[in-house]
Amino acid sequence: MSSSKNAPSEDLQSIAGIDRLIHEPARLMIMAYLYVVESADFLFLMHQTGLTHGNLSSHMSKLEAASYIEVVKEFVTKKPHTMLRLTDKGRTAFRAYRQSMMQVLDDLSDN
């Protein structure tokens, strides 16, 4: 290996900085959908992501606890309705996650 190239283990060090909360595939899907829309309702996200009701609820709770998403529950014509949207913190975290992943991939492709 030439001294001008980083060792693979050095290139992979940037992975350590990846936001693990977002990196989990189900939460990554949720964050990605919410990143491109103003807000989305629970059923829309459930259908788009293929997650079950309980699985989506569990991942929503983790993202909400981190203040990455805001969850608004209300009743519409006597039926419960749940809307989700990214908070400013969540939008910033998702941008940082994207940038970190691009950097990791760029570092690996330079080898």
N, C-alpha and C. Protein backbone atom coordinates (compact mmCIF):
# COMPACT_ATOMS: atom_id res chain seq x y z
N MET A 1 0.85 -1.17 0.00
CA MET A 1 0.00 0.00 0.00
C MET A 1 0.89 1.23 0.00
N SER A 2 0.60 2.19 -0.83
CA SER A 2 1.43 3.38 -0.93
C SER A 2 1.19 4.30 0.25
N SER A 3 2.21 5.06 0.64
CA SER A 3 2.10 5.94 1.79
C SER A 3 1.21 7.15 1.51
N SER A 4 0.91 7.44 0.24
CA SER A 4 0.07 8.59 -0.09
C SER A 4 -1.42 8.29 0.11
N LYS A 5 -1.75 7.04 0.21
CA LYS A 5 -3.15 6.65 0.42
C LYS A 5 -3.37 6.34 1.89
N ASN A 6 -4.57 6.65 2.38
CA ASN A 6 -4.92 6.28 3.74
C ASN A 6 -5.17 4.78 3.80
N ALA A 7 -4.84 4.18 4.91
CA ALA A 7 -5.17 2.78 5.12
C ALA A 7 -6.69 2.68 5.22
N PRO A 8 -7.27 1.57 4.77
CA PRO A 8 -8.73 1.43 4.83
C PRO A 8 -9.29 1.72 6.22
N SER A 9 -8.60 1.30 7.28
CA SER A 9 -9.12 1.54 8.62
C SER A 9 -9.18 3.04 8.92
N GLU A 10 -8.27 3.83 8.37
CA GLU A 10 -8.32 5.28 8.56
C GLU A 10 -9.50 5.88 7.79
N ASP A 11 -9.73 5.40 6.57
CA ASP A 11 -10.86 5.89 5.79
C ASP A 11 -12.18 5.60 6.48
N LEU A 12 -12.27 4.45 7.13
CA LEU A 12 -13.51 4.04 7.76
C LEU A 12 -13.75 4.73 9.10
N GLN A 13 -12.78 5.47 9.61
CA GLN A 13 -12.97 6.17 10.88
C GLN A 13 -14.12 7.17 10.80
N SER A 14 -14.38 7.72 9.60
CA SER A 14 -15.47 8.69 9.46
C SER A 14 -16.83 8.06 9.72
N ILE A 15 -16.92 6.74 9.64
CA ILE A 15 -18.18 6.06 9.93
C ILE A 15 -18.55 6.21 11.40
N ALA A 16 -17.56 6.32 12.26
CA ALA A 16 -17.82 6.44 13.70
C ALA A 16 -18.66 7.68 14.03
N GLY A 17 -18.60 8.69 13.18
CA GLY A 17 -19.36 9.92 13.43
C GLY A 17 -20.78 9.91 12.89
N ILE A 18 -21.19 8.82 12.26
CA ILE A 18 -22.53 8.74 11.67
C ILE A 18 -23.58 8.71 12.79
N ASP A 19 -24.65 9.46 12.61
CA ASP A 19 -25.76 9.49 13.57
C ASP A 19 -26.47 8.14 13.54
N ARG A 20 -26.26 7.34 14.56
CA ARG A 20 -26.81 5.98 14.59
C ARG A 20 -28.33 5.97 14.73
N LEU A 21 -28.87 7.01 15.32
CA LEU A 21 -30.33 7.09 15.44
C LEU A 21 -30.96 7.16 14.05
N ILE A 22 -30.39 7.96 13.18
CA ILE A 22 -30.90 8.09 11.81
C ILE A 22 -30.50 6.90 10.95
N HIS A 23 -29.33 6.34 11.20
CA HIS A 23 -28.76 5.31 10.32
C HIS A 23 -29.58 4.02 10.29
N GLU A 24 -30.35 3.74 11.33
CA GLU A 24 -31.18 2.54 11.35
C GLU A 24 -32.14 2.62 10.17
N PRO A 25 -32.25 1.58 9.34
CA PRO A 25 -33.00 1.67 8.08
C PRO A 25 -34.43 2.18 8.18
N ALA A 26 -35.20 1.74 9.15
CA ALA A 26 -36.58 2.21 9.26
C ALA A 26 -36.63 3.70 9.59
N ARG A 27 -35.78 4.13 10.50
CA ARG A 27 -35.77 5.56 10.86
C ARG A 27 -35.21 6.40 9.72
N LEU A 28 -34.26 5.85 8.98
CA LEU A 28 -33.73 6.56 7.81
C LEU A 28 -34.84 6.79 6.78
N MET A 29 -35.69 5.78 6.55
CA MET A 29 -36.82 5.95 5.63
C MET A 29 -37.77 7.03 6.12
N ILE A 30 -38.09 7.01 7.39
CA ILE A 30 -39.01 8.00 7.97
C ILE A 30 -38.42 9.40 7.79
N MET A 31 -37.17 9.55 8.17
CA MET A 31 -36.51 10.86 8.06
C MET A 31 -36.44 11.33 6.60
N ALA A 32 -36.14 10.41 5.69
CA ALA A 32 -36.02 10.77 4.27
C ALA A 32 -37.37 11.24 3.72
N TYR A 33 -38.43 10.53 4.04
CA TYR A 33 -39.76 10.96 3.57
C TYR A 33 -40.11 12.33 4.14
N LEU A 34 -39.88 12.51 5.44
CA LEU A 34 -40.24 13.79 6.07
C LEU A 34 -39.35 14.93 5.60
N TYR A 35 -38.15 14.61 5.15
CA TYR A 35 -37.24 15.65 4.67
C TYR A 35 -37.77 16.34 3.42
N VAL A 36 -38.47 15.59 2.58
CA VAL A 36 -38.91 16.14 1.29
C VAL A 36 -40.35 16.68 1.30
N VAL A 37 -41.04 16.53 2.41
CA VAL A 37 -42.41 17.04 2.51
C VAL A 37 -42.53 17.94 3.74
N GLU A 38 -43.53 18.78 3.74
CA GLU A 38 -43.79 19.65 4.90
C GLU A 38 -44.17 18.81 6.12
N SER A 39 -45.08 17.87 5.91
CA SER A 39 -45.52 16.96 6.96
C SER A 39 -46.19 15.76 6.29
N ALA A 40 -46.40 14.72 7.06
CA ALA A 40 -47.05 13.52 6.53
C ALA A 40 -47.86 12.88 7.64
N ASP A 41 -48.95 12.23 7.25
CA ASP A 41 -49.71 11.56 8.29
C ASP A 41 -49.20 10.13 8.49
N PHE A 42 -49.58 9.60 9.63
CA PHE A 42 -49.10 8.30 10.07
C PHE A 42 -49.39 7.21 9.03
N LEU A 43 -50.60 7.16 8.54
CA LEU A 43 -50.97 6.10 7.59
C LEU A 43 -50.18 6.20 6.28
N PHE A 44 -49.96 7.43 5.81
CA PHE A 44 -49.14 7.63 4.61
C PHE A 44 -47.75 7.04 4.84
N LEU A 45 -47.12 7.39 5.96
CA LEU A 45 -45.78 6.87 6.24
C LEU A 45 -45.78 5.36 6.42
N MET A 46 -46.81 4.83 7.05
CA MET A 46 -46.90 3.40 7.23
C MET A 46 -46.94 2.69 5.87
N HIS A 47 -47.73 3.21 4.95
CA HIS A 47 -47.84 2.60 3.62
C HIS A 47 -46.56 2.81 2.81
N GLN A 48 -45.99 3.99 2.87
CA GLN A 48 -44.78 4.28 2.09
C GLN A 48 -43.57 3.48 2.56
N THR A 49 -43.45 3.30 3.87
CA THR A 49 -42.27 2.61 4.41
C THR A 49 -42.45 1.10 4.51
N GLY A 50 -43.71 0.64 4.50
CA GLY A 50 -43.96 -0.79 4.66
C GLY A 50 -43.84 -1.26 6.09
N LEU A 51 -43.74 -0.32 7.03
CA LEU A 51 -43.63 -0.68 8.44
C LEU A 51 -45.01 -0.99 9.01
N THR A 52 -45.03 -1.84 10.02
CA THR A 52 -46.29 -2.11 10.71
C THR A 52 -46.63 -0.93 11.62
N HIS A 53 -47.86 -0.89 12.08
CA HIS A 53 -48.31 0.18 12.98
C HIS A 53 -47.40 0.27 14.20
N GLY A 54 -47.15 -0.87 14.84
CA GLY A 54 -46.33 -0.88 16.05
C GLY A 54 -44.88 -0.51 15.79
N ASN A 55 -44.34 -0.98 14.67
CA ASN A 55 -42.95 -0.69 14.34
C ASN A 55 -42.78 0.80 14.04
N LEU A 56 -43.69 1.37 13.25
CA LEU A 56 -43.62 2.80 12.96
C LEU A 56 -43.76 3.61 14.23
N SER A 57 -44.68 3.23 15.10
CA SER A 57 -44.87 3.95 16.36
C SER A 57 -43.60 3.93 17.21
N SER A 58 -42.95 2.77 17.27
CA SER A 58 -41.73 2.64 18.05
C SER A 58 -40.62 3.55 17.52
N HIS A 59 -40.43 3.55 16.21
CA HIS A 59 -39.38 4.39 15.62
C HIS A 59 -39.74 5.88 15.73
N MET A 60 -41.02 6.20 15.61
CA MET A 60 -41.46 7.58 15.79
C MET A 60 -41.12 8.07 17.19
N SER A 61 -41.36 7.22 18.18
CA SER A 61 -41.09 7.59 19.57
C SER A 61 -39.62 7.92 19.78
N LYS A 62 -38.73 7.13 19.18
CA LYS A 62 -37.30 7.38 19.32
C LYS A 62 -36.90 8.70 18.66
N LEU A 63 -37.46 8.95 17.47
CA LEU A 63 -37.14 10.20 16.77
C LEU A 63 -37.73 11.40 17.50
N GLU A 64 -38.91 11.22 18.07
CA GLU A 64 -39.54 12.31 18.83
C GLU A 64 -38.75 12.59 20.11
N ALA A 65 -38.28 11.55 20.79
CA ALA A 65 -37.50 11.73 22.01
C ALA A 65 -36.21 12.50 21.75
N ALA A 66 -35.66 12.34 20.54
CA ALA A 66 -34.43 13.05 20.15
C ALA A 66 -34.75 14.45 19.62
N SER A 67 -36.04 14.80 19.58
CA SER A 67 -36.51 16.09 19.04
C SER A 67 -36.22 16.23 17.55
N TYR A 68 -36.15 15.09 16.83
CA TYR A 68 -35.95 15.12 15.39
C TYR A 68 -37.28 15.28 14.65
N ILE A 69 -38.35 14.81 15.26
CA ILE A 69 -39.67 14.97 14.64
C ILE A 69 -40.65 15.53 15.67
N GLU A 70 -41.68 16.15 15.15
CA GLU A 70 -42.80 16.61 15.97
C GLU A 70 -44.00 15.76 15.58
N VAL A 71 -44.71 15.27 16.58
CA VAL A 71 -45.90 14.45 16.36
C VAL A 71 -47.10 15.21 16.88
N VAL A 72 -48.09 15.43 16.01
CA VAL A 72 -49.31 16.14 16.39
C VAL A 72 -50.47 15.17 16.25
N LYS A 73 -51.13 14.91 17.37
CA LYS A 73 -52.28 14.00 17.37
C LYS A 73 -53.54 14.83 17.58
N GLU A 74 -54.54 14.55 16.74
CA GLU A 74 -55.81 15.27 16.83
C GLU A 74 -56.92 14.33 16.37
N PHE A 75 -58.13 14.78 16.50
CA PHE A 75 -59.28 14.03 16.01
C PHE A 75 -59.86 14.76 14.81
N VAL A 76 -60.11 14.02 13.75
CA VAL A 76 -60.75 14.55 12.55
C VAL A 76 -62.00 13.70 12.33
N THR A 77 -63.13 14.37 12.36
CA THR A 77 -64.44 13.68 12.29
C THR A 77 -64.47 12.46 13.22
N LYS A 78 -64.11 12.72 14.46
CA LYS A 78 -64.15 11.74 15.56
C LYS A 78 -63.19 10.57 15.38
N LYS A 79 -62.23 10.69 14.46
CA LYS A 79 -61.22 9.64 14.25
C LYS A 79 -59.85 10.21 14.59
N PRO A 80 -59.02 9.42 15.26
CA PRO A 80 -57.67 9.91 15.57
C PRO A 80 -56.86 10.11 14.29
N HIS A 81 -56.09 11.18 14.28
CA HIS A 81 -55.26 11.52 13.13
C HIS A 81 -53.91 11.98 13.65
N THR A 82 -52.83 11.37 13.17
CA THR A 82 -51.49 11.70 13.63
C THR A 82 -50.67 12.24 12.47
N MET A 83 -50.13 13.44 12.67
CA MET A 83 -49.27 14.08 11.67
C MET A 83 -47.85 14.16 12.22
N LEU A 84 -46.88 13.97 11.32
CA LEU A 84 -45.47 14.05 11.69
C LEU A 84 -44.77 15.06 10.80
N ARG A 85 -43.80 15.73 11.37
CA ARG A 85 -42.96 16.63 10.58
C ARG A 85 -41.59 16.70 11.22
N LEU A 86 -40.60 16.99 10.40
CA LEU A 86 -39.25 17.18 10.92
C LEU A 86 -39.19 18.50 11.67
N THR A 87 -38.49 18.51 12.78
CA THR A 87 -38.20 19.75 13.47
C THR A 87 -36.98 20.38 12.80
N ASP A 88 -36.65 21.60 13.17
CA ASP A 88 -35.43 22.21 12.65
C ASP A 88 -34.21 21.37 13.03
N LYS A 89 -34.21 20.85 14.25
CA LYS A 89 -33.11 20.00 14.71
C LYS A 89 -33.03 18.73 13.86
N GLY A 90 -34.19 18.14 13.54
CA GLY A 90 -34.23 16.94 12.72
C GLY A 90 -33.75 17.19 11.30
N ARG A 91 -34.16 18.33 10.74
CA ARG A 91 -33.74 18.69 9.38
C ARG A 91 -32.22 18.89 9.34
N THR A 92 -31.69 19.56 10.35
CA THR A 92 -30.25 19.79 10.44
C THR A 92 -29.51 18.46 10.61
N ALA A 93 -30.04 17.58 11.46
CA ALA A 93 -29.42 16.28 11.70
C ALA A 93 -29.42 15.44 10.43
N PHE A 94 -30.51 15.49 9.67
CA PHE A 94 -30.58 14.70 8.44
C PHE A 94 -29.59 15.23 7.41
N ARG A 95 -29.47 16.54 7.28
CA ARG A 95 -28.48 17.12 6.37
C ARG A 95 -27.06 16.68 6.76
N ALA A 96 -26.77 16.73 8.06
CA ALA A 96 -25.44 16.33 8.55
C ALA A 96 -25.21 14.84 8.28
N TYR A 97 -26.24 14.03 8.46
CA TYR A 97 -26.14 12.60 8.18
C TYR A 97 -25.82 12.37 6.71
N ARG A 98 -26.55 13.04 5.83
CA ARG A 98 -26.30 12.90 4.38
C ARG A 98 -24.87 13.29 4.04
N GLN A 99 -24.41 14.40 4.59
CA GLN A 99 -23.07 14.88 4.32
C GLN A 99 -22.02 13.88 4.82
N SER A 100 -22.26 13.33 6.01
CA SER A 100 -21.33 12.35 6.57
C SER A 100 -21.26 11.09 5.71
N MET A 101 -22.41 10.62 5.25
CA MET A 101 -22.44 9.42 4.42
C MET A 101 -21.75 9.68 3.08
N MET A 102 -21.97 10.84 2.50
CA MET A 102 -21.29 11.18 1.24
C MET A 102 -19.78 11.21 1.44
N GLN A 103 -19.34 11.74 2.59
CA GLN A 103 -17.91 11.80 2.88
C GLN A 103 -17.32 10.40 3.02
N VAL A 104 -18.02 9.53 3.73
CA VAL A 104 -17.56 8.14 3.89
C VAL A 104 -17.40 7.49 2.53
N LEU A 105 -18.41 7.63 1.67
CA LEU A 105 -18.37 7.00 0.35
C LEU A 105 -17.27 7.62 -0.52
N ASP A 106 -17.11 8.93 -0.43
CA ASP A 106 -16.03 9.59 -1.18
C ASP A 106 -14.66 9.10 -0.71
N ASP A 107 -14.49 8.98 0.61
CA ASP A 107 -13.21 8.51 1.15
C ASP A 107 -12.89 7.11 0.64
N LEU A 108 -13.89 6.26 0.58
CA LEU A 108 -13.66 4.89 0.13
C LEU A 108 -13.38 4.83 -1.36
N SER A 109 -14.02 5.69 -2.13
CA SER A 109 -13.81 5.64 -3.58
C SER A 109 -12.45 6.21 -3.98
N ASP A 110 -11.81 6.96 -3.10
CA ASP A 110 -10.49 7.52 -3.40
C ASP A 110 -9.39 6.47 -3.33
N ASN A 111 -9.70 5.31 -2.75
CA ASN A 111 -8.68 4.25 -2.63
C ASN A 111 -8.49 3.50 -3.91
